[in-house]
Amino acid sequence: MMRMRASLTTALVADGRRRQIQEIEVTLIAKKVSVNGLGRFYDKVVNSSIITRYLVYVLPVALLLAAPIVIFAIYNPHAIFANTGVRVTLFWLWIEIVWLSIWVSKLVAKAVPWVFMFLCGVVSSGTRKYALILKSVEIPLSLVGWAMTCLVAFTAIARIERRHT
């Protein structure tokens, strides 16, 4: 809920003339909001440690992506994915690697400034500014690591597929 009150006042302007200025007073009245069970779970996840948070983010999707790998590896290991010549098991394996590698590269990018400070802080005391630079490029660094992992995984899976055909 919000209350507003407006009034006109006269003020002296820089060139010596008087002008009318409208003052607006805004009062916000806070309403108590109740949170349901999902909101409480979200709050616990967001305020927990980084390991717990990443397990909650990564593990359910990783298990869902692992299901087709296991099912096709057991029941139909030579099934081909949509007339592409790639086995379904290897396709889902690549999707699983893509999913896990983005989170691993994000964790590695978060650790790079700390490792840099630990290793180079012994040599020079002015490494803090370089560690801040590394921290500011954390997202691009994680995306480069993710792209490299996806490329390496794709080429490795393509080689495996060529050997089996």
C-alpha atoms as a PDB file:
ATOM      1  CA  MET A   1       0.000   0.000   0.000  1.00  0.00           C
ATOM      2  CA  MET A   2       1.296   3.455  -0.832  1.00  0.00           C
ATOM      3  CA  ARG A   3       0.189   6.936   0.251  1.00  0.00           C
ATOM      4  CA  MET A   4       1.093  10.083  -1.672  1.00  0.00           C
ATOM      5  CA  ARG A   5       0.797  13.732  -0.671  1.00  0.00           C
ATOM      6  CA  ALA A   6       1.553  16.578  -3.039  1.00  0.00           C
ATOM      7  CA  SER A   7       1.984  20.263  -2.201  1.00  0.00           C
ATOM      8  CA  LEU A   8       3.151  23.408  -3.966  1.00  0.00           C
ATOM      9  CA  THR A   9       5.944  25.515  -2.468  1.00  0.00           C
ATOM     10  CA  THR A  10       7.739  28.589  -3.675  1.00  0.00           C
ATOM     11  CA  ALA A  11      11.510  28.432  -4.115  1.00  0.00           C
ATOM     12  CA  LEU A  12      14.137  30.952  -5.143  1.00  0.00           C
ATOM     13  CA  VAL A  13      15.805  30.030  -8.450  1.00  0.00           C
ATOM     14  CA  ALA A  14      19.446  30.822  -9.325  1.00  0.00           C
ATOM     15  CA  ASP A  15      18.589  33.926 -11.371  1.00  0.00           C
ATOM     16  CA  GLY A  16      16.696  35.544  -8.492  1.00  0.00           C
ATOM     17  CA  ARG A  17      13.149  34.734  -9.599  1.00  0.00           C
ATOM     18  CA  ARG A  18      10.674  32.715  -7.609  1.00  0.00           C
ATOM     19  CA  ARG A  19       9.174  29.537  -8.990  1.00  0.00           C
ATOM     20  CA  GLN A  20       6.592  27.175  -7.695  1.00  0.00           C
ATOM     21  CA  ILE A  21       7.913  23.657  -7.121  1.00  0.00           C
ATOM     22  CA  GLN A  22       5.703  20.672  -6.469  1.00  0.00           C
ATOM     23  CA  GLU A  23       6.848  18.539  -3.578  1.00  0.00           C
ATOM     24  CA  ILE A  24       5.671  14.980  -3.480  1.00  0.00           C
ATOM     25  CA  GLU A  25       5.843  12.914  -0.325  1.00  0.00           C
ATOM     26  CA  VAL A  26       5.529   9.185  -0.737  1.00  0.00           C
ATOM     27  CA  THR A  27       4.905   6.900   2.206  1.00  0.00           C
ATOM     28  CA  LEU A  28       5.212   3.167   1.746  1.00  0.00           C
ATOM     29  CA  ILE A  29       3.403   0.905   4.142  1.00  0.00           C
ATOM     30  CA  ALA A  30       4.900  -2.567   4.241  1.00  0.00           C
ATOM     31  CA  LYS A  31       2.584  -5.527   4.066  1.00  0.00           C
ATOM     32  CA  LYS A  32       3.593  -8.745   5.727  1.00  0.00           C
ATOM     33  CA  VAL A  33       3.998 -11.450   3.084  1.00  0.00           C
ATOM     34  CA  SER A  34       3.688 -15.105   3.988  1.00  0.00           C
ATOM     35  CA  VAL A  35       5.958 -17.592   2.247  1.00  0.00           C
ATOM     36  CA  ASN A  36       4.847 -21.090   1.326  1.00  0.00           C
ATOM     37  CA  GLY A  37       6.936 -24.257   1.538  1.00  0.00           C
ATOM     38  CA  LEU A  38       8.558 -23.806  -1.864  1.00  0.00           C
ATOM     39  CA  GLY A  39       9.583 -20.262  -0.924  1.00  0.00           C
ATOM     40  CA  ARG A  40      11.133 -21.497   2.324  1.00  0.00           C
ATOM     41  CA  PHE A  41      13.013 -24.226   0.405  1.00  0.00           C
ATOM     42  CA  TYR A  42      14.272 -21.636  -2.105  1.00  0.00           C
ATOM     43  CA  ASP A  43      15.427 -19.396   0.736  1.00  0.00           C
ATOM     44  CA  LYS A  44      17.300 -22.297   2.356  1.00  0.00           C
ATOM     45  CA  VAL A  45      18.982 -23.216  -0.934  1.00  0.00           C
ATOM     46  CA  VAL A  46      20.032 -19.655  -1.749  1.00  0.00           C
ATOM     47  CA  ASN A  47      21.427 -19.069   1.744  1.00  0.00           C
ATOM     48  CA  SER A  48      23.243 -22.412   1.982  1.00  0.00           C
ATOM     49  CA  SER A  49      26.843 -23.228   1.058  1.00  0.00           C
ATOM     50  CA  ILE A  50      27.948 -23.255  -2.558  1.00  0.00           C
ATOM     51  CA  ILE A  51      28.343 -27.051  -2.570  1.00  0.00           C
ATOM     52  CA  THR A  52      24.789 -27.631  -1.333  1.00  0.00           C
ATOM     53  CA  ARG A  53      23.425 -25.025  -3.738  1.00  0.00           C
ATOM     54  CA  TYR A  54      25.171 -26.571  -6.750  1.00  0.00           C
ATOM     55  CA  LEU A  55      24.070 -30.072  -5.767  1.00  0.00           C
ATOM     56  CA  VAL A  56      20.464 -28.879  -5.702  1.00  0.00           C
ATOM     57  CA  TYR A  57      20.889 -27.149  -9.073  1.00  0.00           C
ATOM     58  CA  VAL A  58      22.918 -29.802 -10.884  1.00  0.00           C
ATOM     59  CA  LEU A  59      22.049 -33.223  -9.502  1.00  0.00           C
ATOM     60  CA  PRO A  60      18.338 -33.483 -10.447  1.00  0.00           C
ATOM     61  CA  VAL A  61      18.943 -32.493 -14.071  1.00  0.00           C
ATOM     62  CA  ALA A  62      22.033 -34.707 -14.274  1.00  0.00           C
ATOM     63  CA  LEU A  63      20.012 -37.690 -13.057  1.00  0.00           C
ATOM     64  CA  LEU A  64      17.274 -36.956 -15.603  1.00  0.00           C
ATOM     65  CA  LEU A  65      19.855 -36.755 -18.377  1.00  0.00           C
ATOM     66  CA  ALA A  66      21.513 -39.973 -17.204  1.00  0.00           C
ATOM     67  CA  ALA A  67      18.282 -41.956 -17.483  1.00  0.00           C
ATOM     68  CA  PRO A  68      18.310 -42.224 -21.315  1.00  0.00           C
ATOM     69  CA  ILE A  69      21.987 -43.154 -21.237  1.00  0.00           C
ATOM     70  CA  VAL A  70      21.345 -46.074 -18.916  1.00  0.00           C
ATOM     71  CA  ILE A  71      18.113 -47.154 -20.607  1.00  0.00           C
ATOM     72  CA  PHE A  72      19.550 -47.187 -24.125  1.00  0.00           C
ATOM     73  CA  ALA A  73      22.860 -48.731 -22.997  1.00  0.00           C
ATOM     74  CA  ILE A  74      20.987 -51.660 -21.454  1.00  0.00           C
ATOM     75  CA  TYR A  75      18.028 -52.236 -23.766  1.00  0.00           C
ATOM     76  CA  ASN A  76      19.099 -50.959 -27.194  1.00  0.00           C
ATOM     77  CA  PRO A  77      22.801 -50.070 -27.325  1.00  0.00           C
ATOM     78  CA  HIS A  78      22.958 -49.811 -31.132  1.00  0.00           C
ATOM     79  CA  ALA A  79      19.971 -47.463 -31.600  1.00  0.00           C
ATOM     80  CA  ILE A  80      20.690 -44.566 -33.959  1.00  0.00           C
ATOM     81  CA  PHE A  81      19.533 -41.031 -33.122  1.00  0.00           C
ATOM     82  CA  ALA A  82      17.144 -39.522 -35.726  1.00  0.00           C
ATOM     83  CA  ASN A  83      18.980 -40.859 -38.828  1.00  0.00           C
ATOM     84  CA  THR A  84      22.178 -39.016 -37.922  1.00  0.00           C
ATOM     85  CA  GLY A  85      24.409 -42.042 -37.663  1.00  0.00           C
ATOM     86  CA  VAL A  86      25.110 -41.293 -33.982  1.00  0.00           C
ATOM     87  CA  ARG A  87      24.129 -43.795 -31.356  1.00  0.00           C
ATOM     88  CA  VAL A  88      21.513 -42.527 -28.897  1.00  0.00           C
ATOM     89  CA  THR A  89      23.691 -43.445 -25.932  1.00  0.00           C
ATOM     90  CA  LEU A  90      26.555 -41.292 -27.172  1.00  0.00           C
ATOM     91  CA  PHE A  91      24.249 -38.380 -27.961  1.00  0.00           C
ATOM     92  CA  TRP A  92      22.830 -38.335 -24.427  1.00  0.00           C
ATOM     93  CA  LEU A  93      26.316 -38.817 -23.032  1.00  0.00           C
ATOM     94  CA  TRP A  94      27.404 -35.653 -24.848  1.00  0.00           C
ATOM     95  CA  ILE A  95      24.367 -33.745 -23.501  1.00  0.00           C
ATOM     96  CA  GLU A  96      25.268 -34.934 -19.989  1.00  0.00           C
ATOM     97  CA  ILE A  97      28.865 -33.754 -20.442  1.00  0.00           C
ATOM     98  CA  VAL A  98      27.628 -30.367 -21.676  1.00  0.00           C
ATOM     99  CA  TRP A  99      25.384 -29.994 -18.617  1.00  0.00           C
ATOM    100  CA  LEU A 100      28.027 -30.997 -16.083  1.00  0.00           C
ATOM    101  CA  SER A 101      30.865 -29.116 -17.738  1.00  0.00           C
ATOM    102  CA  ILE A 102      29.156 -25.736 -17.477  1.00  0.00           C
ATOM    103  CA  TRP A 103      28.897 -26.124 -13.713  1.00  0.00           C
ATOM    104  CA  VAL A 104      32.418 -27.497 -13.322  1.00  0.00           C
ATOM    105  CA  SER A 105      33.857 -24.667 -15.411  1.00  0.00           C
ATOM    106  CA  LYS A 106      31.912 -22.183 -13.293  1.00  0.00           C
ATOM    107  CA  LEU A 107      33.418 -23.650 -10.121  1.00  0.00           C
ATOM    108  CA  VAL A 108      36.913 -23.615 -11.649  1.00  0.00           C
ATOM    109  CA  ALA A 109      36.451 -19.980 -12.697  1.00  0.00           C
ATOM    110  CA  LYS A 110      35.385 -19.118  -9.146  1.00  0.00           C
ATOM    111  CA  ALA A 111      38.526 -20.795  -7.795  1.00  0.00           C
ATOM    112  CA  VAL A 112      40.988 -19.155 -10.222  1.00  0.00           C
ATOM    113  CA  PRO A 113      41.359 -15.826  -8.303  1.00  0.00           C
ATOM    114  CA  TRP A 114      41.840 -17.657  -5.002  1.00  0.00           C
ATOM    115  CA  VAL A 115      44.471 -20.009  -6.475  1.00  0.00           C
ATOM    116  CA  PHE A 116      46.196 -17.038  -8.122  1.00  0.00           C
ATOM    117  CA  MET A 117      46.356 -15.175  -4.798  1.00  0.00           C
ATOM    118  CA  PHE A 118      47.618 -18.285  -3.025  1.00  0.00           C
ATOM    119  CA  LEU A 119      50.353 -19.057  -5.542  1.00  0.00           C
ATOM    120  CA  CYS A 120      51.442 -15.559  -6.594  1.00  0.00           C
ATOM    121  CA  GLY A 121      50.864 -13.844  -3.268  1.00  0.00           C
ATOM    122  CA  VAL A 122      54.088 -15.423  -2.053  1.00  0.00           C
ATOM    123  CA  VAL A 123      56.067 -13.717  -4.811  1.00  0.00           C
ATOM    124  CA  SER A 124      54.483 -10.262  -4.755  1.00  0.00           C
ATOM    125  CA  SER A 125      52.146  -8.455  -2.397  1.00  0.00           C
ATOM    126  CA  GLY A 126      50.543  -6.422  -5.221  1.00  0.00           C
ATOM    127  CA  THR A 127      48.649  -9.351  -6.712  1.00  0.00           C
ATOM    128  CA  ARG A 128      45.305  -8.349  -5.210  1.00  0.00           C
ATOM    129  CA  LYS A 129      44.456  -6.096  -8.164  1.00  0.00           C
ATOM    130  CA  TYR A 130      45.168  -8.925 -10.605  1.00  0.00           C
ATOM    131  CA  ALA A 131      43.010 -11.271  -8.559  1.00  0.00           C
ATOM    132  CA  LEU A 132      40.195  -8.694  -8.751  1.00  0.00           C
ATOM    133  CA  ILE A 133      40.594  -8.637 -12.522  1.00  0.00           C
ATOM    134  CA  LEU A 134      40.368 -12.431 -12.604  1.00  0.00           C
ATOM    135  CA  LYS A 135      37.256 -12.245 -10.446  1.00  0.00           C
ATOM    136  CA  SER A 136      35.670  -9.728 -12.814  1.00  0.00           C
ATOM    137  CA  VAL A 137      36.210 -12.028 -15.825  1.00  0.00           C
ATOM    138  CA  GLU A 138      34.778 -15.048 -14.029  1.00  0.00           C
ATOM    139  CA  ILE A 139      31.778 -15.454 -16.350  1.00  0.00           C
ATOM    140  CA  PRO A 140      33.737 -15.183 -19.621  1.00  0.00           C
ATOM    141  CA  LEU A 141      36.380 -17.519 -18.206  1.00  0.00           C
ATOM    142  CA  SER A 142      33.743 -20.087 -17.290  1.00  0.00           C
ATOM    143  CA  LEU A 143      32.142 -19.818 -20.741  1.00  0.00           C
ATOM    144  CA  VAL A 144      35.502 -20.360 -22.462  1.00  0.00           C
ATOM    145  CA  GLY A 145      36.149 -23.412 -20.284  1.00  0.00           C
ATOM    146  CA  TRP A 146      32.681 -24.714 -21.033  1.00  0.00           C
ATOM    147  CA  ALA A 147      33.108 -24.217 -24.788  1.00  0.00           C
ATOM    148  CA  MET A 148      36.480 -25.958 -24.765  1.00  0.00           C
ATOM    149  CA  THR A 149      35.049 -28.905 -22.820  1.00  0.00           C
ATOM    150  CA  CYS A 150      32.117 -29.207 -25.218  1.00  0.00           C
ATOM    151  CA  LEU A 151      34.439 -29.163 -28.228  1.00  0.00           C
ATOM    152  CA  VAL A 152      36.774 -31.778 -26.784  1.00  0.00           C
ATOM    153  CA  ALA A 153      33.858 -33.998 -25.760  1.00  0.00           C
ATOM    154  CA  PHE A 154      32.238 -33.676 -29.166  1.00  0.00           C
ATOM    155  CA  THR A 155      35.391 -34.589 -31.051  1.00  0.00           C
ATOM    156  CA  ALA A 156      36.073 -37.523 -28.730  1.00  0.00           C
ATOM    157  CA  ILE A 157      32.534 -38.863 -29.120  1.00  0.00           C
ATOM    158  CA  ALA A 158      32.723 -38.388 -32.898  1.00  0.00           C
ATOM    159  CA  ARG A 159      35.953 -40.425 -32.972  1.00  0.00           C
ATOM    160  CA  ILE A 160      34.336 -43.175 -30.907  1.00  0.00           C
ATOM    161  CA  GLU A 161      31.401 -43.247 -33.302  1.00  0.00           C
ATOM    162  CA  ARG A 162      33.665 -43.447 -36.373  1.00  0.00           C
ATOM    163  CA  ARG A 163      35.497 -46.429 -34.920  1.00  0.00           C
ATOM    164  CA  HIS A 164      32.267 -48.331 -34.318  1.00  0.00           C
ATOM    165  CA  THR A 165      30.742 -47.790 -37.754  1.00  0.00           C
END
